[in-house]
């Protein structure tokens, strides 16, 4: 596996873990994906790709028509708690 693929997988994992921690530790489950990306040092373009991937797998749900407001789903929580490796 190339370093680029490893980095993408790691960023997806970190992004989902961050949303999981927010849903468990904070008052609101909704987060701005761009702010999450900023916190993690991920570009906006990569954040959009990550959210698309996580949404395609049912791990997050995007709300609204604009922006990148999202929340982790029950499937996303189960995925984090199960420690399952992404296939993609």
C-alpha atoms as a PDB file:
ATOM      1  CA  UNK A   1       0.000   0.000   0.000  1.00  0.00           C
ATOM      2  CA  UNK A   2       1.369   3.407  -0.934  1.00  0.00           C
ATOM      3  CA  UNK A   3       2.047   6.177   1.562  1.00  0.00           C
ATOM      4  CA  UNK A   4      -0.686   8.291  -0.040  1.00  0.00           C
ATOM      5  CA  UNK A   5      -3.282   5.566   0.490  1.00  0.00           C
ATOM      6  CA  UNK A   6      -2.152   5.092   4.098  1.00  0.00           C
ATOM      7  CA  UNK A   7      -2.445   8.838   4.701  1.00  0.00           C
ATOM      8  CA  UNK A   8      -5.980   8.940   3.234  1.00  0.00           C
ATOM      9  CA  UNK A   9      -7.090   6.017   5.388  1.00  0.00           C
ATOM     10  CA  UNK A  10      -5.544   7.581   8.481  1.00  0.00           C
ATOM     11  CA  UNK A  11      -7.256  10.924   7.797  1.00  0.00           C
ATOM     12  CA  UNK A  12     -10.630   9.210   7.360  1.00  0.00           C
ATOM     13  CA  UNK A  13     -10.098   7.373  10.641  1.00  0.00           C
ATOM     14  CA  UNK A  14      -9.038  10.538  12.486  1.00  0.00           C
ATOM     15  CA  UNK A  15     -11.995  12.482  11.085  1.00  0.00           C
ATOM     16  CA  UNK A  16     -14.530   9.846  12.149  1.00  0.00           C
ATOM     17  CA  UNK A  17     -12.876   9.443  15.566  1.00  0.00           C
ATOM     18  CA  UNK A  18     -13.135  13.212  16.080  1.00  0.00           C
ATOM     19  CA  UNK A  19     -16.858  13.176  15.251  1.00  0.00           C
ATOM     20  CA  UNK A  20     -17.324  10.229  17.594  1.00  0.00           C
ATOM     21  CA  UNK A  21     -15.619  12.043  20.480  1.00  0.00           C
ATOM     22  CA  UNK A  22     -17.749  15.135  19.820  1.00  0.00           C
ATOM     23  CA  UNK A  23     -20.967  13.111  19.825  1.00  0.00           C
ATOM     24  CA  UNK A  24     -20.049  11.468  23.132  1.00  0.00           C
ATOM     25  CA  UNK A  25     -18.457  14.390  24.977  1.00  0.00           C
ATOM     26  CA  UNK A  26     -20.172  17.562  23.760  1.00  0.00           C
ATOM     27  CA  UNK A  27     -23.693  18.940  23.931  1.00  0.00           C
ATOM     28  CA  UNK A  28     -24.262  18.895  20.171  1.00  0.00           C
ATOM     29  CA  UNK A  29     -23.800  16.079  17.721  1.00  0.00           C
ATOM     30  CA  UNK A  30     -23.679  18.377  14.682  1.00  0.00           C
ATOM     31  CA  UNK A  31     -20.270  19.624  13.522  1.00  0.00           C
ATOM     32  CA  UNK A  32     -18.972  21.752  10.698  1.00  0.00           C
ATOM     33  CA  UNK A  33     -16.785  19.438   8.621  1.00  0.00           C
ATOM     34  CA  UNK A  34     -14.510  22.293   7.601  1.00  0.00           C
ATOM     35  CA  UNK A  35     -13.878  23.163  11.256  1.00  0.00           C
ATOM     36  CA  UNK A  36     -13.126  19.502  11.994  1.00  0.00           C
ATOM     37  CA  UNK A  37     -10.665  19.488   9.105  1.00  0.00           C
ATOM     38  CA  UNK A  38      -9.004  22.652  10.424  1.00  0.00           C
ATOM     39  CA  UNK A  39      -8.645  21.073  13.874  1.00  0.00           C
ATOM     40  CA  UNK A  40      -7.033  17.995  12.324  1.00  0.00           C
ATOM     41  CA  UNK A  41      -4.808  19.859   9.844  1.00  0.00           C
ATOM     42  CA  UNK A  42      -6.691  18.498   6.826  1.00  0.00           C
ATOM     43  CA  UNK A  43      -7.385  20.621   3.729  1.00  0.00           C
ATOM     44  CA  UNK A  44     -10.932  21.631   2.824  1.00  0.00           C
ATOM     45  CA  UNK A  45     -10.699  19.639  -0.408  1.00  0.00           C
ATOM     46  CA  UNK A  46      -9.628  16.520   1.477  1.00  0.00           C
ATOM     47  CA  UNK A  47     -12.398  17.135   4.042  1.00  0.00           C
ATOM     48  CA  UNK A  48     -14.962  17.075   1.243  1.00  0.00           C
ATOM     49  CA  UNK A  49     -13.540  13.787  -0.056  1.00  0.00           C
ATOM     50  CA  UNK A  50     -13.487  12.302   3.444  1.00  0.00           C
ATOM     51  CA  UNK A  51     -17.085  13.313   4.125  1.00  0.00           C
ATOM     52  CA  UNK A  52     -18.200  11.900   0.768  1.00  0.00           C
ATOM     53  CA  UNK A  53     -16.479   8.590   1.595  1.00  0.00           C
ATOM     54  CA  UNK A  54     -17.908   8.443   5.133  1.00  0.00           C
ATOM     55  CA  UNK A  55     -21.357   9.395   3.855  1.00  0.00           C
ATOM     56  CA  UNK A  56     -21.211   6.701   1.142  1.00  0.00           C
ATOM     57  CA  UNK A  57     -20.483   4.139   3.862  1.00  0.00           C
ATOM     58  CA  UNK A  58     -23.302   5.419   6.076  1.00  0.00           C
ATOM     59  CA  UNK A  59     -20.962   6.622   8.841  1.00  0.00           C
ATOM     60  CA  UNK A  60     -21.987  10.301   8.677  1.00  0.00           C
ATOM     61  CA  UNK A  61     -25.040  12.237   7.587  1.00  0.00           C
ATOM     62  CA  UNK A  62     -24.706  15.627   5.928  1.00  0.00           C
ATOM     63  CA  UNK A  63     -27.397  18.146   6.841  1.00  0.00           C
ATOM     64  CA  UNK A  64     -28.509  21.172   4.875  1.00  0.00           C
ATOM     65  CA  UNK A  65     -27.913  21.998   1.247  1.00  0.00           C
ATOM     66  CA  UNK A  66     -24.782  24.083   1.633  1.00  0.00           C
ATOM     67  CA  UNK A  67     -21.653  23.794   3.688  1.00  0.00           C
ATOM     68  CA  UNK A  68     -20.416  20.675   5.375  1.00  0.00           C
ATOM     69  CA  UNK A  69     -22.534  20.377   8.529  1.00  0.00           C
ATOM     70  CA  UNK A  70     -22.737  16.739   9.528  1.00  0.00           C
ATOM     71  CA  UNK A  71     -23.196  14.257  12.312  1.00  0.00           C
ATOM     72  CA  UNK A  72     -21.985  10.762  12.985  1.00  0.00           C
ATOM     73  CA  UNK A  73     -24.595   8.022  12.499  1.00  0.00           C
ATOM     74  CA  UNK A  74     -25.239   4.921  14.574  1.00  0.00           C
ATOM     75  CA  UNK A  75     -23.285   2.941  11.959  1.00  0.00           C
ATOM     76  CA  UNK A  76     -20.365   5.355  12.364  1.00  0.00           C
ATOM     77  CA  UNK A  77     -20.441   4.963  16.133  1.00  0.00           C
ATOM     78  CA  UNK A  78     -20.517   1.177  15.813  1.00  0.00           C
ATOM     79  CA  UNK A  79     -17.621   1.330  13.350  1.00  0.00           C
ATOM     80  CA  UNK A  80     -15.473   3.389  15.729  1.00  0.00           C
ATOM     81  CA  UNK A  81     -16.355   1.297  18.752  1.00  0.00           C
ATOM     82  CA  UNK A  82     -15.735  -1.911  16.840  1.00  0.00           C
ATOM     83  CA  UNK A  83     -12.356  -0.744  15.570  1.00  0.00           C
ATOM     84  CA  UNK A  84     -13.180  -2.099  12.104  1.00  0.00           C
ATOM     85  CA  UNK A  85     -10.600  -1.322   9.400  1.00  0.00           C
ATOM     86  CA  UNK A  86     -11.844   0.511   6.300  1.00  0.00           C
ATOM     87  CA  UNK A  87     -11.734  -1.538   3.140  1.00  0.00           C
ATOM     88  CA  UNK A  88     -11.183   1.387   0.764  1.00  0.00           C
END
